[in-house]
C-alpha atoms as a PDB file:
ATOM      1  CA  MET A   1      57.155 147.164 266.295  1.00  0.00           C
ATOM      2  CA  ARG A   2      56.566 144.239 263.892  1.00  0.00           C
ATOM      3  CA  THR A   3      53.795 144.531 261.289  1.00  0.00           C
ATOM      4  CA  GLY A   4      53.151 142.480 258.188  1.00  0.00           C
ATOM      5  CA  LEU A   5      53.752 138.795 257.350  1.00  0.00           C
ATOM      6  CA  TYR A   6      56.542 136.651 258.746  1.00  0.00           C
ATOM      7  CA  TYR A   7      57.352 133.153 257.909  1.00  0.00           C
ATOM      8  CA  LEU A   8      57.959 130.726 260.790  1.00  0.00           C
ATOM      9  CA  ASN A   9      60.067 128.130 258.859  1.00  0.00           C
ATOM     10  CA  ASN A  10      62.315 127.706 255.934  1.00  0.00           C
ATOM     11  CA  SER A  11      59.747 125.893 253.659  1.00  0.00           C
ATOM     12  CA  GLY A  12      57.151 128.781 254.025  1.00  0.00           C
ATOM     13  CA  HIS A  13      54.093 126.648 254.931  1.00  0.00           C
ATOM     14  CA  ARG A  14      53.664 128.375 258.353  1.00  0.00           C
ATOM     15  CA  TRP A  15      53.441 132.049 258.862  1.00  0.00           C
ATOM     16  CA  VAL A  16      52.042 134.692 261.278  1.00  0.00           C
ATOM     17  CA  ILE A  17      50.646 138.255 260.471  1.00  0.00           C
ATOM     18  CA  PHE A  18      50.998 141.080 262.810  1.00  0.00           C
ATOM     19  CA  ASP A  19      48.547 143.961 262.679  1.00  0.00           C
ATOM     20  CA  GLU A  20      49.304 147.736 263.157  1.00  0.00           C
ATOM     21  CA  THR A  21      49.630 147.443 266.978  1.00  0.00           C
ATOM     22  CA  GLY A  22      52.302 144.681 266.602  1.00  0.00           C
ATOM     23  CA  ARG A  23      49.918 141.874 267.952  1.00  0.00           C
ATOM     24  CA  ARG A  24      48.846 138.736 266.037  1.00  0.00           C
ATOM     25  CA  GLU A  25      45.895 139.130 263.748  1.00  0.00           C
ATOM     26  CA  GLN A  26      42.436 138.567 265.206  1.00  0.00           C
ATOM     27  CA  ARG A  27      39.807 136.622 263.445  1.00  0.00           C
ATOM     28  CA  THR A  28      36.137 136.146 264.324  1.00  0.00           C
ATOM     29  CA  PHE A  29      34.709 132.555 264.302  1.00  0.00           C
ATOM     30  CA  GLU A  30      31.237 131.417 264.556  1.00  0.00           C
ATOM     31  CA  THR A  31      29.953 128.383 266.763  1.00  0.00           C
ATOM     32  CA  LYS A  32      27.206 126.011 265.839  1.00  0.00           C
ATOM     33  CA  ASN A  33      24.777 128.062 267.913  1.00  0.00           C
ATOM     34  CA  GLY A  34      25.576 131.189 266.228  1.00  0.00           C
ATOM     35  CA  LYS A  35      27.674 132.818 268.858  1.00  0.00           C
ATOM     36  CA  LYS A  36      30.712 134.971 267.604  1.00  0.00           C
ATOM     37  CA  VAL A  37      34.155 134.240 269.149  1.00  0.00           C
ATOM     38  CA  VAL A  38      37.052 136.433 268.539  1.00  0.00           C
ATOM     39  CA  ARG A  39      40.530 134.778 268.749  1.00  0.00           C
ATOM     40  CA  ARG A  40      44.012 135.711 267.860  1.00  0.00           C
ATOM     41  CA  VAL A  41      45.633 133.429 265.286  1.00  0.00           C
ATOM     42  CA  ASN A  42      48.766 131.741 266.623  1.00  0.00           C
ATOM     43  CA  TYR A  43      49.874 131.013 263.094  1.00  0.00           C
ATOM     44  CA  TYR A  44      48.597 130.018 259.686  1.00  0.00           C
ATOM     45  CA  GLU A  45      49.560 126.853 258.023  1.00  0.00           C
ATOM     46  CA  ALA A  46      49.249 125.679 254.387  1.00  0.00           C
ATOM     47  CA  PHE A  47      46.819 122.944 253.710  1.00  0.00           C
ATOM     48  CA  GLY A  48      46.987 122.176 250.067  1.00  0.00           C
ATOM     49  CA  ASN A  49      45.616 125.220 248.224  1.00  0.00           C
ATOM     50  CA  PHE A  50      44.055 126.575 251.441  1.00  0.00           C
ATOM     51  CA  ALA A  51      45.223 127.672 254.843  1.00  0.00           C
ATOM     52  CA  THR A  52      44.324 126.713 258.426  1.00  0.00           C
ATOM     53  CA  CYS A  53      44.277 128.823 261.461  1.00  0.00           C
ATOM     54  CA  ASN A  54      45.925 127.611 264.653  1.00  0.00           C
ATOM     55  CA  ILE A  55      43.923 129.138 267.595  1.00  0.00           C
ATOM     56  CA  SER A  56      43.381 128.582 271.199  1.00  0.00           C
ATOM     57  CA  TYR A  57      39.942 127.529 271.878  1.00  0.00           C
ATOM     58  CA  LYS A  58      38.538 125.935 275.207  1.00  0.00           C
ATOM     59  CA  GLY A  59      42.097 125.485 276.627  1.00  0.00           C
ATOM     60  CA  LYS A  60      43.384 123.627 273.501  1.00  0.00           C
ATOM     61  CA  ARG A  61      45.220 124.556 270.428  1.00  0.00           C
ATOM     62  CA  ILE A  62      43.376 123.557 267.334  1.00  0.00           C
ATOM     63  CA  ASN A  63      43.702 123.963 263.541  1.00  0.00           C
ATOM     64  CA  VAL A  64      40.631 125.037 261.795  1.00  0.00           C
ATOM     65  CA  PHE A  65      39.673 126.654 258.429  1.00  0.00           C
ATOM     66  CA  PRO A  66      38.654 130.367 258.758  1.00  0.00           C
ATOM     67  CA  ASP A  67      34.963 129.410 257.839  1.00  0.00           C
ATOM     68  CA  THR A  68      34.633 126.433 260.248  1.00  0.00           C
ATOM     69  CA  LEU A  69      31.773 126.355 262.735  1.00  0.00           C
ATOM     70  CA  LEU A  70      33.283 125.722 266.234  1.00  0.00           C
ATOM     71  CA  ASN A  71      31.825 123.222 268.812  1.00  0.00           C
ATOM     72  CA  ASP A  72      30.012 124.931 271.778  1.00  0.00           C
END
């Protein structure tokens, strides 16, 4: 079972984090109406000194910052 941090490419600007169950890490995002949405992060990507999360939302894969308010 995989746990921990794994880099997806040689340059190290994409990575994935597996939790104790061996699945990708879950994060809770908030919509503009205040609804909480839980999504598994496909991968993280470096964006300057920050990181974006690639998640599936409404049938599309999007890159968002962890504190971004999602559209309803």
